[in-house]
């Protein structure tokens, strides 16, 4: 086997294609030959030189999400992960010919699913099941508002909510075109969070009650209207901060609505916690996943050599769905 591989790394001026050593899996790790990988917002941060938890930094191989074929396994990897198996998963160093990850981040690739489509799923599945079900307690008959609904995790939240028989699902987007597309995908209401008073639309649509659960990828200046749009004793789960990491918070409104407010991130999860998150998601969603009910749209595909171009395309924020790098 070759000892060197292609990889998209953080250079002095951003992402560049370079040669890097083929990684060796640790005792609890899986190495795979990458066939396709998907871009995420965190990749933009790392390509700008910022760290994502303990990932990133000068010379780091970029990328967090992939699909491929298991090439090698460590001695402590359970037997359900096998050499030659088609898999998808998450872990650092995805934008390369080979990548390694803890076995708990590796998911079986459903039969008949192309690698480019499979690469879109792992992070959205893990993130949204954890936010909606584990932390948000979403149940059949509940109402849900998805802030940042046109993002991949937002689209996955819609898919999961429908599989779990949520009664009403609304969303938000600042783009008129994306709001139209979200309605076409089955959202009951899509609001523009940049226009003051949008919470009134949500209250009107829910007979003045507000929604049981909000999964919030925006945060920042939207938080007080989000509180107003949430039902008394409802729940907001803070997943992302696309609109800002800080903002004014109306503590009195928070108390009046008696809203539970939770924050989630994978950056401070232990390896064991991520394994439990993945196992829980598979217990609940393996059926819909196999049936193709949790697919995500692919906006555009690039080659690994076009990695910097793909990151620039994502930074422009005109895409709807996932951006893919084809590796093999």
Foldseek 3Di string as FASTA:
>chain_A
DDQKWWFFFQAPQFTAIDIDGADDEEQQKWKFFFFKAFDDPVLLCQRVQHADQPAHHHGFGAGWWTWGFTCDHHNNYDPVRDGGFTWIFTDGNRLIRMDMDGNLGIGGAFPPDDRQQRRQPRVLLLLLCCQCPVVQVDAAQFEEEEEVLLESNNVLNVLVNVVRHHPAYEYEDQDPVVQVVVVVVPHPYYYHLVDPPRLVVLCVVVVNFAGQEYEHQAPAASVVSNLSRHGQQHEYEDEHHNNHDDYDDDVVSCVVSVYHYHYDDPSPDDPVRSSVSSVVSCVVCVVVSNVVSRTWDEFEEAESNCVVVQSVVVVVVPTGTIYMYGYD
